[in-house]
């Protein structure tokens, strides 16, 4: 599953609008729309992915995987930078 598909499918399944998801994550609504509309989006910051996962109620690992991170390079949430 792509990040685009995961975000849109889950957001719609839990009844959130793009604006509501943006508010929950602190992202601009245009960023949420871009992530949902643009196939193959890469290089999304791990912190953004973690916020999206939390707001959508899905495991962070699933969002990292959808964003193209491999299991071995998935950043650890809360790890010191």
N, C-alpha and C. Protein backbone atom coordinates (compact mmCIF):
# COMPACT_ATOMS: atom_id res chain seq x y z
N UNK A 1 0.85 -1.18 0.00
CA UNK A 1 0.00 0.00 0.00
C UNK A 1 0.89 1.24 0.00
N UNK A 2 0.54 2.21 -0.80
CA UNK A 2 1.31 3.45 -0.86
C UNK A 2 0.89 4.38 0.28
N UNK A 3 1.74 5.35 0.56
CA UNK A 3 1.40 6.34 1.58
C UNK A 3 0.13 7.08 1.18
N UNK A 4 0.03 7.43 -0.08
CA UNK A 4 -1.14 8.13 -0.60
C UNK A 4 -2.41 7.34 -0.29
N UNK A 5 -2.42 6.06 -0.60
CA UNK A 5 -3.59 5.22 -0.39
C UNK A 5 -3.88 5.04 1.09
N UNK A 6 -2.85 4.78 1.88
CA UNK A 6 -3.02 4.58 3.32
C UNK A 6 -3.66 5.80 3.97
N UNK A 7 -3.12 6.96 3.68
CA UNK A 7 -3.63 8.19 4.31
C UNK A 7 -5.09 8.44 3.96
N UNK A 8 -5.38 8.39 2.67
CA UNK A 8 -6.75 8.71 2.25
C UNK A 8 -7.74 7.65 2.73
N UNK A 9 -7.40 6.39 2.58
CA UNK A 9 -8.30 5.32 2.97
C UNK A 9 -8.59 5.35 4.47
N UNK A 10 -7.55 5.48 5.27
CA UNK A 10 -7.74 5.49 6.73
C UNK A 10 -8.48 6.75 7.18
N UNK A 11 -8.11 7.90 6.61
CA UNK A 11 -8.77 9.16 6.99
C UNK A 11 -10.27 9.07 6.73
N UNK A 12 -10.62 8.57 5.56
CA UNK A 12 -12.04 8.45 5.21
C UNK A 12 -12.74 7.40 6.08
N UNK A 13 -12.04 6.32 6.42
CA UNK A 13 -12.63 5.26 7.24
C UNK A 13 -12.99 5.74 8.64
N UNK A 14 -12.20 6.68 9.17
CA UNK A 14 -12.50 7.17 10.52
C UNK A 14 -13.28 8.49 10.49
N UNK A 15 -13.66 8.92 9.30
CA UNK A 15 -14.55 10.06 9.16
C UNK A 15 -13.92 11.42 9.35
N UNK A 16 -12.64 11.54 9.02
CA UNK A 16 -11.97 12.84 9.13
C UNK A 16 -11.90 13.52 7.77
N UNK A 17 -12.02 14.82 7.77
CA UNK A 17 -11.76 15.60 6.56
C UNK A 17 -10.25 15.86 6.51
N UNK A 18 -9.78 16.34 5.37
CA UNK A 18 -8.36 16.71 5.28
C UNK A 18 -8.04 17.82 6.27
N UNK A 19 -8.95 18.76 6.41
CA UNK A 19 -8.73 19.86 7.34
C UNK A 19 -8.62 19.36 8.77
N UNK A 20 -9.47 18.43 9.14
CA UNK A 20 -9.41 17.86 10.51
C UNK A 20 -8.10 17.11 10.73
N UNK A 21 -7.66 16.36 9.74
CA UNK A 21 -6.38 15.66 9.87
C UNK A 21 -5.24 16.66 9.99
N UNK A 22 -5.30 17.72 9.22
CA UNK A 22 -4.27 18.76 9.31
C UNK A 22 -4.23 19.36 10.71
N UNK A 23 -5.38 19.64 11.26
CA UNK A 23 -5.43 20.22 12.62
C UNK A 23 -4.86 19.25 13.65
N UNK A 24 -5.18 17.97 13.53
CA UNK A 24 -4.69 16.98 14.48
C UNK A 24 -3.17 16.80 14.41
N UNK A 25 -2.61 16.98 13.24
CA UNK A 25 -1.18 16.76 13.06
C UNK A 25 -0.34 18.03 13.14
N UNK A 26 -1.00 19.18 13.01
CA UNK A 26 -0.26 20.44 12.98
C UNK A 26 0.33 20.74 11.61
N UNK A 27 -0.08 19.97 10.61
CA UNK A 27 0.39 20.21 9.24
C UNK A 27 -0.53 21.19 8.53
N UNK A 28 0.00 21.92 7.56
CA UNK A 28 -0.88 22.76 6.74
C UNK A 28 -1.84 21.86 5.94
N UNK A 29 -3.08 22.27 5.77
CA UNK A 29 -4.01 21.47 4.96
C UNK A 29 -3.47 21.16 3.56
N UNK A 30 -2.71 22.07 3.00
CA UNK A 30 -2.14 21.83 1.67
C UNK A 30 -1.15 20.67 1.68
N UNK A 31 -0.46 20.47 2.79
CA UNK A 31 0.48 19.35 2.90
C UNK A 31 -0.26 18.02 2.96
N UNK A 32 -1.35 17.98 3.71
CA UNK A 32 -2.16 16.76 3.79
C UNK A 32 -2.70 16.43 2.39
N UNK A 33 -3.22 17.43 1.71
CA UNK A 33 -3.75 17.21 0.36
C UNK A 33 -2.65 16.73 -0.58
N UNK A 34 -1.48 17.32 -0.49
CA UNK A 34 -0.36 16.92 -1.34
C UNK A 34 0.01 15.45 -1.10
N UNK A 35 0.11 15.06 0.17
CA UNK A 35 0.48 13.69 0.50
C UNK A 35 -0.55 12.68 -0.02
N UNK A 36 -1.81 13.07 0.01
CA UNK A 36 -2.87 12.17 -0.46
C UNK A 36 -2.99 12.13 -1.99
N UNK A 37 -2.65 13.20 -2.64
CA UNK A 37 -2.88 13.30 -4.09
C UNK A 37 -1.67 12.95 -4.94
N UNK A 38 -0.49 12.89 -4.34
CA UNK A 38 0.72 12.73 -5.11
C UNK A 38 1.26 11.31 -4.97
N UNK A 39 1.16 10.52 -6.03
CA UNK A 39 1.68 9.15 -5.98
C UNK A 39 3.20 9.14 -5.78
N UNK A 40 3.66 8.20 -5.01
CA UNK A 40 5.09 8.00 -4.85
C UNK A 40 5.82 9.07 -4.08
N UNK A 41 5.14 9.78 -3.20
CA UNK A 41 5.79 10.81 -2.39
C UNK A 41 6.90 10.14 -1.58
N UNK A 42 8.08 10.72 -1.60
CA UNK A 42 9.22 10.17 -0.87
C UNK A 42 9.80 11.27 0.03
N UNK A 43 10.67 10.86 0.90
CA UNK A 43 11.42 11.78 1.76
C UNK A 43 10.53 12.59 2.70
N UNK A 44 9.46 11.97 3.18
CA UNK A 44 8.63 12.63 4.19
C UNK A 44 9.35 12.47 5.52
N UNK A 45 9.46 13.54 6.28
CA UNK A 45 10.19 13.50 7.54
C UNK A 45 9.55 12.51 8.51
N UNK A 46 10.38 11.75 9.23
CA UNK A 46 9.86 10.77 10.18
C UNK A 46 8.89 11.35 11.20
N UNK A 47 9.14 12.56 11.67
CA UNK A 47 8.25 13.18 12.63
C UNK A 47 6.86 13.43 12.07
N UNK A 48 6.80 13.78 10.80
CA UNK A 48 5.52 13.98 10.12
C UNK A 48 4.79 12.65 10.01
N UNK A 49 5.52 11.61 9.65
CA UNK A 49 4.91 10.28 9.53
C UNK A 49 4.36 9.82 10.89
N UNK A 50 5.09 10.08 11.94
CA UNK A 50 4.65 9.69 13.28
C UNK A 50 3.37 10.44 13.68
N UNK A 51 3.29 11.72 13.35
CA UNK A 51 2.08 12.50 13.65
C UNK A 51 0.89 11.97 12.87
N UNK A 52 1.12 11.63 11.61
CA UNK A 52 0.04 11.09 10.79
C UNK A 52 -0.44 9.75 11.35
N UNK A 53 0.50 8.90 11.73
CA UNK A 53 0.14 7.60 12.29
C UNK A 53 -0.69 7.76 13.56
N UNK A 54 -0.27 8.65 14.44
CA UNK A 54 -1.00 8.87 15.69
C UNK A 54 -2.41 9.40 15.42
N UNK A 55 -2.52 10.35 14.54
CA UNK A 55 -3.83 10.95 14.24
C UNK A 55 -4.78 9.96 13.59
N UNK A 56 -4.21 9.04 12.79
CA UNK A 56 -5.04 8.08 12.07
C UNK A 56 -5.23 6.77 12.84
N UNK A 57 -4.52 6.62 13.95
CA UNK A 57 -4.66 5.42 14.76
C UNK A 57 -4.11 4.17 14.11
N UNK A 58 -3.01 4.32 13.41
CA UNK A 58 -2.36 3.17 12.77
C UNK A 58 -0.93 3.05 13.30
N UNK A 59 -0.37 1.84 13.26
CA UNK A 59 1.01 1.68 13.72
C UNK A 59 1.98 2.53 12.90
N UNK A 60 2.92 3.14 13.60
CA UNK A 60 3.92 3.97 12.93
C UNK A 60 4.67 3.14 11.88
N UNK A 61 4.96 1.89 12.18
CA UNK A 61 5.68 1.04 11.22
C UNK A 61 4.92 0.91 9.91
N UNK A 62 3.60 0.85 9.97
CA UNK A 62 2.81 0.75 8.74
C UNK A 62 2.95 2.01 7.89
N UNK A 63 2.97 3.15 8.54
CA UNK A 63 3.11 4.42 7.81
C UNK A 63 4.52 4.54 7.23
N UNK A 64 5.53 4.17 8.01
CA UNK A 64 6.91 4.19 7.49
C UNK A 64 7.03 3.29 6.27
N UNK A 65 6.47 2.10 6.36
CA UNK A 65 6.54 1.15 5.25
C UNK A 65 5.86 1.73 4.01
N UNK A 66 4.69 2.32 4.20
CA UNK A 66 3.96 2.92 3.08
C UNK A 66 4.73 4.08 2.46
N UNK A 67 5.54 4.75 3.28
CA UNK A 67 6.34 5.88 2.80
C UNK A 67 7.64 5.43 2.13
N UNK A 68 7.88 4.12 2.12
CA UNK A 68 9.05 3.61 1.43
C UNK A 68 10.25 3.31 2.28
N UNK A 69 10.13 3.46 3.61
CA UNK A 69 11.24 3.10 4.49
C UNK A 69 11.30 1.59 4.60
N UNK A 70 12.50 1.06 4.62
CA UNK A 70 12.70 -0.35 4.88
C UNK A 70 12.68 -0.58 6.38
N UNK A 71 12.41 -1.80 6.80
CA UNK A 71 12.36 -2.12 8.22
C UNK A 71 13.67 -1.75 8.92
N UNK A 72 14.78 -1.88 8.23
CA UNK A 72 16.07 -1.62 8.85
C UNK A 72 16.39 -0.13 8.96
N UNK A 73 15.71 0.73 8.20
CA UNK A 73 16.02 2.15 8.29
C UNK A 73 14.86 2.98 8.81
N UNK A 74 13.83 2.30 9.34
CA UNK A 74 12.72 3.04 9.94
C UNK A 74 13.21 3.73 11.19
N UNK A 75 13.05 5.04 11.27
CA UNK A 75 13.51 5.76 12.44
C UNK A 75 12.74 5.35 13.67
N UNK A 76 13.38 5.42 14.79
CA UNK A 76 12.73 5.10 16.05
C UNK A 76 12.02 6.35 16.57
N UNK A 77 10.74 6.22 16.84
CA UNK A 77 9.99 7.35 17.37
C UNK A 77 10.48 7.65 18.77
N UNK A 78 10.78 8.90 19.03
CA UNK A 78 11.24 9.30 20.35
C UNK A 78 12.73 9.13 20.54
N UNK A 79 13.44 8.59 19.57
CA UNK A 79 14.87 8.41 19.70
C UNK A 79 15.57 9.76 19.57
N UNK A 80 16.64 9.90 20.30
CA UNK A 80 17.42 11.16 20.23
C UNK A 80 18.05 11.29 18.86
N UNK A 81 18.03 12.51 18.37
CA UNK A 81 18.59 12.75 17.03
C UNK A 81 20.06 13.03 17.12
